[in-house]
């Protein structure tokens, strides 16, 4: 090791740490790639200009509280198309309806939601915020037995469905154990609530009708004539 001579006055000093002594250790740490094939990764932000064409999905909302349906359209922008960083994100939302009673809040809500979409970052929080809105006049039941506390809450479910379809939210899925448990509970409920009367324990073919003579569900069609298999009564004599 060669000697180093100092021919100037020492005016200060510092103690080098482990990071300064071993720069090669820093290089070994996995770095997050910030560039794509074309030199940069395009991320969602408010200054991103709207392209000429956007991919969109339209959802129909028909509620019992309105005579007219609403059509919710969510347009998506594709970032870093053709690269490993390709991602589809919502860019804007529109709601169209013949019902003008809600025109003001529809315009305000869609503009705010579109601004949040274009802001970038995590936009999934809007799902829970919208689904938590309750109508003071009461909600309504959807076909299939699902309760909606308000029209805004149903809009939240639509946004949730869309975010799941483009991969921003994980899809709902049950594992095998949960599926078996649900199936077992369903069979148990059906067995417990199955009809337990004379009609359910008959010894005659399914679909037999009630005989007006012997009051037994044993009337079937035989040789083109309604015949009771219990008492033998026949419409053909």
Protein backbone atom coordinates (compact mmCIF):
# COMPACT_ATOMS: atom_id res chain seq x y z
CA UNK A 1 0.00 0.00 0.00
CA UNK A 2 1.51 3.31 -1.11
CA UNK A 3 1.83 6.27 1.20
CA UNK A 4 -0.21 9.42 0.63
CA UNK A 5 1.36 12.73 1.54
CA UNK A 6 -0.82 15.72 2.48
CA UNK A 7 0.70 19.07 1.58
CA UNK A 8 -2.35 21.21 2.45
CA UNK A 9 -3.88 22.27 5.73
CA UNK A 10 -6.63 19.98 7.02
CA UNK A 11 -9.79 22.01 7.49
CA UNK A 12 -12.32 19.20 8.07
CA UNK A 13 -12.94 15.49 8.05
CA UNK A 14 -15.71 12.89 7.88
CA UNK A 15 -16.11 9.24 8.84
CA UNK A 16 -17.09 7.00 5.96
CA UNK A 17 -19.81 4.46 6.75
CA UNK A 18 -20.33 0.99 5.46
CA UNK A 19 -22.36 2.26 2.47
CA UNK A 20 -19.52 4.51 1.31
CA UNK A 21 -16.86 1.80 1.75
CA UNK A 22 -18.78 -0.81 -0.20
CA UNK A 23 -20.43 0.78 -3.25
CA UNK A 24 -20.59 -2.63 -4.87
CA UNK A 25 -23.05 -3.73 -2.16
CA UNK A 26 -25.51 -1.11 -3.37
CA UNK A 27 -25.35 -2.42 -6.90
CA UNK A 28 -26.35 -5.88 -5.72
CA UNK A 29 -29.72 -4.67 -4.39
CA UNK A 30 -32.61 -5.36 -6.77
CA UNK A 31 -33.63 -2.11 -8.39
CA UNK A 32 -37.15 -1.34 -9.53
CA UNK A 33 -37.18 -0.86 -13.28
CA UNK A 34 -38.52 2.54 -14.18
CA UNK A 35 -38.14 2.27 -17.94
CA UNK A 36 -40.02 0.34 -20.55
CA UNK A 37 -39.00 -0.74 -24.02
CA UNK A 38 -39.47 2.78 -25.42
CA UNK A 39 -37.42 4.37 -22.64
CA UNK A 40 -40.01 5.29 -20.00
CA UNK A 41 -42.99 3.95 -18.08
CA UNK A 42 -46.14 5.98 -18.56
CA UNK A 43 -48.04 6.22 -15.29
CA UNK A 44 -51.50 7.62 -14.67
CA UNK A 45 -51.51 11.31 -13.74
CA UNK A 46 -53.69 14.36 -14.26
CA UNK A 47 -51.52 15.80 -17.06
CA UNK A 48 -51.93 12.74 -19.25
CA UNK A 49 -53.74 13.84 -22.39
CA UNK A 50 -56.84 12.03 -23.56
CA UNK A 51 -56.16 9.89 -26.66
CA UNK A 52 -58.43 9.97 -29.69
CA UNK A 53 -59.99 6.60 -28.84
CA UNK A 54 -60.72 4.91 -25.52
CA UNK A 55 -62.03 1.44 -24.74
CA UNK A 56 -65.23 1.49 -22.74
CA UNK A 57 -67.95 -0.61 -21.15
CA UNK A 58 -71.59 0.37 -20.66
CA UNK A 59 -73.73 -0.98 -17.82
CA UNK A 60 -77.53 -0.72 -17.65
CA UNK A 61 -79.08 0.22 -14.30
CA UNK A 62 -82.84 -0.28 -13.93
CA UNK A 63 -84.18 0.53 -10.49
CA UNK A 64 -87.76 0.36 -9.14
CA UNK A 65 -87.47 3.96 -7.92
CA UNK A 66 -87.33 5.35 -11.46
CA UNK A 67 -89.31 4.73 -14.62
CA UNK A 68 -86.24 5.19 -16.81
CA UNK A 69 -83.03 3.18 -16.85
CA UNK A 70 -79.58 4.69 -16.41
CA UNK A 71 -76.66 3.74 -18.62
CA UNK A 72 -73.23 3.98 -17.00
CA UNK A 73 -70.26 4.13 -19.38
CA UNK A 74 -66.69 3.82 -18.09
CA UNK A 75 -63.90 4.48 -20.58
CA UNK A 76 -60.41 3.08 -19.99
CA UNK A 77 -56.99 4.15 -21.13
CA UNK A 78 -54.25 1.60 -21.87
CA UNK A 79 -50.87 2.59 -20.48
CA UNK A 80 -47.58 1.25 -21.88
CA UNK A 81 -49.36 -0.75 -24.56
CA UNK A 82 -47.32 -3.61 -25.97
CA UNK A 83 -44.83 -3.71 -23.07
CA UNK A 84 -44.53 -5.74 -19.89
CA UNK A 85 -45.91 -2.69 -18.02
CA UNK A 86 -49.18 -2.62 -19.98
CA UNK A 87 -52.06 -1.66 -17.73
CA UNK A 88 -55.69 -0.71 -18.27
CA UNK A 89 -57.05 2.02 -16.03
CA UNK A 90 -60.36 3.94 -15.90
CA UNK A 91 -60.12 7.40 -17.42
CA UNK A 92 -63.65 8.84 -17.42
CA UNK A 93 -67.25 7.96 -16.57
CA UNK A 94 -70.57 9.08 -18.03
CA UNK A 95 -74.17 8.45 -16.91
CA UNK A 96 -77.04 8.87 -19.34
CA UNK A 97 -80.76 8.73 -18.54
CA UNK A 98 -84.06 10.15 -19.73
CA UNK A 99 -84.88 11.01 -16.12
CA UNK A 100 -83.84 14.62 -15.56
CA UNK A 101 -84.68 14.62 -11.83
CA UNK A 102 -81.10 13.63 -10.97
CA UNK A 103 -79.36 15.58 -13.75
CA UNK A 104 -77.44 17.99 -11.50
CA UNK A 105 -75.90 15.45 -9.14
CA UNK A 106 -75.20 13.05 -12.02
CA UNK A 107 -73.14 15.70 -13.83
CA UNK A 108 -71.33 16.72 -10.64
CA UNK A 109 -70.61 13.13 -9.61
CA UNK A 110 -69.33 12.00 -13.00
CA UNK A 111 -67.02 15.00 -13.30
CA UNK A 112 -65.56 14.40 -9.85
CA UNK A 113 -65.13 10.68 -10.47
CA UNK A 114 -63.47 11.32 -13.82
CA UNK A 115 -61.08 13.78 -12.14
CA UNK A 116 -60.18 11.13 -9.54
CA UNK A 117 -59.60 8.56 -12.29
CA UNK A 118 -57.24 10.93 -14.14
CA UNK A 119 -55.41 11.83 -10.95
CA UNK A 120 -53.91 8.35 -10.86
CA UNK A 121 -52.89 6.28 -7.88
CA UNK A 122 -55.29 4.04 -6.01
CA UNK A 123 -58.85 4.75 -7.18
CA UNK A 124 -60.42 1.64 -5.64
CA UNK A 125 -61.34 3.55 -2.47
CA UNK A 126 -64.28 5.09 -4.33
CA UNK A 127 -66.04 1.72 -4.39
CA UNK A 128 -66.46 1.59 -0.61
CA UNK A 129 -67.33 5.28 -0.42
CA UNK A 130 -70.13 4.96 -2.98
CA UNK A 131 -71.49 1.70 -1.57
CA UNK A 132 -71.79 3.33 1.87
CA UNK A 133 -74.30 5.98 0.69
CA UNK A 134 -77.84 5.36 1.96
CA UNK A 135 -81.05 6.91 0.66
CA UNK A 136 -83.08 8.46 3.55
CA UNK A 137 -86.27 7.38 1.75
CA UNK A 138 -85.12 3.75 1.81
CA UNK A 139 -83.41 1.43 -0.62
CA UNK A 140 -84.75 -1.24 -2.93
CA UNK A 141 -84.30 -4.91 -3.81
CA UNK A 142 -82.61 -6.02 -6.98
CA UNK A 143 -83.82 -9.08 -8.92
CA UNK A 144 -82.22 -12.05 -7.19
CA UNK A 145 -82.69 -10.73 -3.66
CA UNK A 146 -79.79 -8.26 -3.31
CA UNK A 147 -80.57 -5.09 -1.36
CA UNK A 148 -79.35 -1.73 -2.61
CA UNK A 149 -79.41 1.11 -0.05
CA UNK A 150 -79.40 3.77 -2.80
CA UNK A 151 -78.80 4.47 -6.48
CA UNK A 152 -75.33 5.78 -5.57
CA UNK A 153 -74.57 2.47 -3.85
CA UNK A 154 -75.54 0.59 -7.00
CA UNK A 155 -73.21 2.87 -8.94
CA UNK A 156 -70.48 1.80 -6.52
CA UNK A 157 -71.22 -1.86 -7.29
CA UNK A 158 -70.94 -1.10 -11.01
CA UNK A 159 -67.57 0.61 -10.55
CA UNK A 160 -66.45 -2.37 -8.46
CA UNK A 161 -67.52 -4.79 -11.18
CA UNK A 162 -65.62 -2.78 -13.78
CA UNK A 163 -62.44 -2.52 -11.72
CA UNK A 164 -62.52 -6.29 -11.25
CA UNK A 165 -62.93 -6.84 -14.98
CA UNK A 166 -59.80 -4.78 -15.79
CA UNK A 167 -57.74 -6.26 -12.96
CA UNK A 168 -57.51 -3.34 -10.51
CA UNK A 169 -59.52 -5.31 -7.94
CA UNK A 170 -59.21 -9.05 -7.29
CA UNK A 171 -62.14 -11.16 -8.43
CA UNK A 172 -64.28 -12.79 -5.76
CA UNK A 173 -63.56 -16.49 -5.51
CA UNK A 174 -64.27 -19.25 -3.01
CA UNK A 175 -61.77 -21.97 -2.29
CA UNK A 176 -62.77 -25.65 -2.45
CA UNK A 177 -63.49 -25.87 1.28
CA UNK A 178 -65.78 -22.85 1.18
CA UNK A 179 -67.59 -24.21 -1.87
CA UNK A 180 -68.21 -27.56 -0.13
CA UNK A 181 -69.47 -25.76 2.98
CA UNK A 182 -71.88 -23.62 0.95
CA UNK A 183 -73.18 -26.65 -0.93
CA UNK A 184 -73.66 -28.59 2.31
CA UNK A 185 -75.56 -25.72 3.92
CA UNK A 186 -77.75 -25.33 0.84
CA UNK A 187 -78.69 -29.03 0.83
CA UNK A 188 -79.35 -28.90 4.57
CA UNK A 189 -81.67 -25.92 4.12
CA UNK A 190 -83.52 -27.55 1.21
CA UNK A 191 -84.03 -30.77 3.17
CA UNK A 192 -85.29 -28.89 6.21
CA UNK A 193 -87.76 -26.80 4.20
CA UNK A 194 -88.94 -29.50 1.81
CA UNK A 195 -92.71 -29.93 1.66
CA UNK A 196 -93.81 -32.59 4.16
CA UNK A 197 -97.43 -33.34 3.27
CA UNK A 198 -99.43 -35.94 1.41
CA UNK A 199 -98.40 -34.56 -1.96
CA UNK A 200 -94.68 -34.98 -1.29
CA UNK A 201 -94.85 -38.63 -0.23
CA UNK A 202 -97.26 -40.01 -2.82
CA UNK A 203 -96.75 -43.42 -4.41
CA UNK A 204 -98.04 -42.27 -7.80
CA UNK A 205 -96.14 -40.80 -10.75
CA UNK A 206 -94.93 -37.21 -10.61
CA UNK A 207 -97.34 -34.82 -12.24
CA UNK A 208 -100.45 -36.78 -11.23
CA UNK A 209 -103.58 -34.70 -10.73
CA UNK A 210 -106.12 -34.73 -7.91
CA UNK A 211 -108.99 -37.18 -8.32
CA UNK A 212 -112.39 -35.61 -7.59
CA UNK A 213 -113.80 -38.99 -6.56
CA UNK A 214 -111.26 -40.27 -4.03
CA UNK A 215 -109.33 -37.04 -3.44
CA UNK A 216 -105.99 -38.71 -4.26
CA UNK A 217 -103.30 -37.24 -6.47
CA UNK A 218 -103.35 -40.25 -8.77
CA UNK A 219 -105.01 -39.10 -11.99
CA UNK A 220 -102.79 -39.65 -15.04
CA UNK A 221 -103.30 -39.77 -18.79
CA UNK A 222 -103.70 -43.36 -19.97
CA UNK A 223 -104.66 -44.32 -23.53
CA UNK A 224 -105.79 -40.78 -24.21
CA UNK A 225 -108.03 -40.63 -21.16
CA UNK A 226 -107.60 -39.27 -17.63
CA UNK A 227 -107.65 -42.25 -15.27
CA UNK A 228 -107.26 -42.43 -11.48
CA UNK A 229 -104.75 -45.06 -10.40
CA UNK A 230 -106.24 -45.15 -6.89
CA UNK A 231 -109.97 -45.70 -7.45
CA UNK A 232 -110.03 -46.45 -11.17
CA UNK A 233 -112.30 -43.55 -12.09
CA UNK A 234 -111.98 -42.67 -15.75
CA UNK A 235 -113.33 -39.86 -17.87
CA UNK A 236 -113.91 -42.33 -20.64
CA UNK A 237 -116.39 -44.38 -18.64
